[in-house]
Amino acid sequence: MKVRPLFDRVLVARTDEPTRSRGGLFLPETAKEKPLQGTILAVGSGRVSNSGDVTPLQVKVGDKVAFGKYAGTEIEIEGEERLILREDDILGILDD
């Protein structure tokens, strides 16, 4: 199934959370927090202004981004958890 976000929304796959703490302890699923970083899988066409002009998004497919803890809407696609965010919810693009 393909998902194409509308307008200024993006589809994000969260990065994998480590299973160990920095001290080497294994973390159970209940103790883990959801990561606040991810990779963009799909982008919408852009933001539509009041005059009807479409402004393209500044992010593109493959960008690694940081976003807020309560940002976006979680959905499940083919058994995988994904997140749909507005471009405004993205805090920044992460460089490697």
C-alpha atoms as a PDB file:
ATOM      1  CA  MET A   1       0.000   0.000   0.000  1.00  0.00           C
ATOM      2  CA  LYS A   2       1.337   3.413  -0.953  1.00  0.00           C
ATOM      3  CA  VAL A   3       0.497   6.503   1.071  1.00  0.00           C
ATOM      4  CA  ARG A   4       0.865   9.982  -0.380  1.00  0.00           C
ATOM      5  CA  PRO A   5       0.409  12.759   2.195  1.00  0.00           C
ATOM      6  CA  LEU A   6      -1.661  15.775   1.208  1.00  0.00           C
ATOM      7  CA  PHE A   7      -0.518  19.399   1.063  1.00  0.00           C
ATOM      8  CA  ASP A   8       2.092  20.255   3.754  1.00  0.00           C
ATOM      9  CA  ARG A   9       2.145  16.838   5.442  1.00  0.00           C
ATOM     10  CA  VAL A  10       4.936  14.243   5.456  1.00  0.00           C
ATOM     11  CA  LEU A  11       5.047  10.505   6.239  1.00  0.00           C
ATOM     12  CA  VAL A  12       7.810   9.565   8.691  1.00  0.00           C
ATOM     13  CA  ALA A  13       9.255   6.254   9.893  1.00  0.00           C
ATOM     14  CA  ARG A  14      10.629   6.591  13.424  1.00  0.00           C
ATOM     15  CA  THR A  15      14.219   5.494  14.001  1.00  0.00           C
ATOM     16  CA  ASP A  16      14.737   2.290  15.957  1.00  0.00           C
ATOM     17  CA  GLU A  17      15.048   2.725  19.701  1.00  0.00           C
ATOM     18  CA  PRO A  18      18.109   1.034  21.250  1.00  0.00           C
ATOM     19  CA  THR A  19      17.346  -2.017  23.393  1.00  0.00           C
ATOM     20  CA  ARG A  20      20.101  -1.217  25.888  1.00  0.00           C
ATOM     21  CA  SER A  21      20.751   1.793  28.079  1.00  0.00           C
ATOM     22  CA  ARG A  22      24.078   3.633  27.993  1.00  0.00           C
ATOM     23  CA  GLY A  23      25.119   1.630  31.061  1.00  0.00           C
ATOM     24  CA  GLY A  24      24.479  -1.663  29.249  1.00  0.00           C
ATOM     25  CA  LEU A  25      21.156  -2.617  30.851  1.00  0.00           C
ATOM     26  CA  PHE A  26      18.434  -4.142  28.681  1.00  0.00           C
ATOM     27  CA  LEU A  27      15.319  -1.975  28.475  1.00  0.00           C
ATOM     28  CA  PRO A  28      11.871  -3.594  28.445  1.00  0.00           C
ATOM     29  CA  GLU A  29       9.306  -2.307  25.939  1.00  0.00           C
ATOM     30  CA  THR A  30       7.351  -0.533  28.687  1.00  0.00           C
ATOM     31  CA  ALA A  31      10.384   1.523  29.775  1.00  0.00           C
ATOM     32  CA  LYS A  32      11.256   2.806  26.309  1.00  0.00           C
ATOM     33  CA  GLU A  33      10.206   6.211  25.060  1.00  0.00           C
ATOM     34  CA  LYS A  34       9.276   6.658  21.431  1.00  0.00           C
ATOM     35  CA  PRO A  35      12.106   8.191  19.418  1.00  0.00           C
ATOM     36  CA  LEU A  36      11.817  11.838  18.429  1.00  0.00           C
ATOM     37  CA  GLN A  37      13.691  11.311  15.168  1.00  0.00           C
ATOM     38  CA  GLY A  38      12.805   9.644  11.909  1.00  0.00           C
ATOM     39  CA  THR A  39      13.268   9.377   8.167  1.00  0.00           C
ATOM     40  CA  ILE A  40      10.854  10.945   5.707  1.00  0.00           C
ATOM     41  CA  LEU A  41       9.211   8.344   3.459  1.00  0.00           C
ATOM     42  CA  ALA A  42       6.832  10.577   1.467  1.00  0.00           C
ATOM     43  CA  VAL A  43       5.991  14.278   1.169  1.00  0.00           C
ATOM     44  CA  GLY A  44       2.914  16.181   0.078  1.00  0.00           C
ATOM     45  CA  SER A  45       2.712  18.663  -2.781  1.00  0.00           C
ATOM     46  CA  GLY A  46       3.237  21.758  -0.598  1.00  0.00           C
ATOM     47  CA  ARG A  47       1.469  24.431   1.399  1.00  0.00           C
ATOM     48  CA  VAL A  48      -1.378  26.266  -0.307  1.00  0.00           C
ATOM     49  CA  SER A  49      -1.495  29.992   0.449  1.00  0.00           C
ATOM     50  CA  ASN A  50      -4.644  32.108   0.696  1.00  0.00           C
ATOM     51  CA  SER A  51      -4.095  33.271  -2.887  1.00  0.00           C
ATOM     52  CA  GLY A  52      -3.969  29.664  -4.130  1.00  0.00           C
ATOM     53  CA  ASP A  53      -0.218  29.483  -4.743  1.00  0.00           C
ATOM     54  CA  VAL A  54       1.529  26.244  -3.759  1.00  0.00           C
ATOM     55  CA  THR A  55       4.786  26.617  -1.821  1.00  0.00           C
ATOM     56  CA  PRO A  56       6.926  23.452  -2.019  1.00  0.00           C
ATOM     57  CA  LEU A  57       8.131  21.827   1.202  1.00  0.00           C
ATOM     58  CA  GLN A  58      11.687  22.334   2.438  1.00  0.00           C
ATOM     59  CA  VAL A  59      12.112  18.643   3.319  1.00  0.00           C
ATOM     60  CA  LYS A  60      12.422  15.759   0.871  1.00  0.00           C
ATOM     61  CA  VAL A  61      12.193  11.973   0.907  1.00  0.00           C
ATOM     62  CA  GLY A  62      15.157  10.453   2.743  1.00  0.00           C
ATOM     63  CA  ASP A  63      15.808  13.415   5.061  1.00  0.00           C
ATOM     64  CA  LYS A  64      16.377  12.549   8.721  1.00  0.00           C
ATOM     65  CA  VAL A  65      14.348  14.898  10.894  1.00  0.00           C
ATOM     66  CA  ALA A  66      13.655  15.704  14.537  1.00  0.00           C
ATOM     67  CA  PHE A  67      10.109  16.389  15.707  1.00  0.00           C
ATOM     68  CA  GLY A  68       8.217  17.138  18.903  1.00  0.00           C
ATOM     69  CA  LYS A  69       7.156  14.500  21.410  1.00  0.00           C
ATOM     70  CA  TYR A  70       3.414  14.906  20.803  1.00  0.00           C
ATOM     71  CA  ALA A  71       3.594  15.915  17.135  1.00  0.00           C
ATOM     72  CA  GLY A  72       1.673  14.234  14.351  1.00  0.00           C
ATOM     73  CA  THR A  73      -0.740  11.349  14.051  1.00  0.00           C
ATOM     74  CA  GLU A  74       0.338   7.728  14.365  1.00  0.00           C
ATOM     75  CA  ILE A  75      -0.981   5.294  11.763  1.00  0.00           C
ATOM     76  CA  GLU A  76      -0.243   1.667  10.937  1.00  0.00           C
ATOM     77  CA  ILE A  77       0.606   0.700   7.356  1.00  0.00           C
ATOM     78  CA  GLU A  78       1.117  -2.984   6.564  1.00  0.00           C
ATOM     79  CA  GLY A  79       1.964  -3.736  10.193  1.00  0.00           C
ATOM     80  CA  GLU A  80       4.501  -0.890  10.459  1.00  0.00           C
ATOM     81  CA  GLU A  81       3.924   2.118  12.702  1.00  0.00           C
ATOM     82  CA  ARG A  82       4.273   5.409  10.829  1.00  0.00           C
ATOM     83  CA  LEU A  83       3.719   9.050  11.686  1.00  0.00           C
ATOM     84  CA  ILE A  84       2.037  11.759   9.603  1.00  0.00           C
ATOM     85  CA  LEU A  85       3.287  15.251  10.470  1.00  0.00           C
ATOM     86  CA  ARG A  86       2.748  18.754   9.194  1.00  0.00           C
ATOM     87  CA  GLU A  87       5.936  20.446   8.035  1.00  0.00           C
ATOM     88  CA  ASP A  88       5.470  22.927  10.920  1.00  0.00           C
ATOM     89  CA  ASP A  89       5.834  20.029  13.415  1.00  0.00           C
ATOM     90  CA  ILE A  90       9.357  19.261  12.173  1.00  0.00           C
ATOM     91  CA  LEU A  91      11.955  20.926  14.394  1.00  0.00           C
ATOM     92  CA  GLY A  92      14.942  20.414  12.105  1.00  0.00           C
ATOM     93  CA  ILE A  93      16.745  18.315   9.520  1.00  0.00           C
ATOM     94  CA  LEU A  94      19.544  16.163  10.970  1.00  0.00           C
ATOM     95  CA  ASP A  95      22.848  16.008   9.080  1.00  0.00           C
ATOM     96  CA  ASP A  96      24.917  12.827   9.160  1.00  0.00           C
END
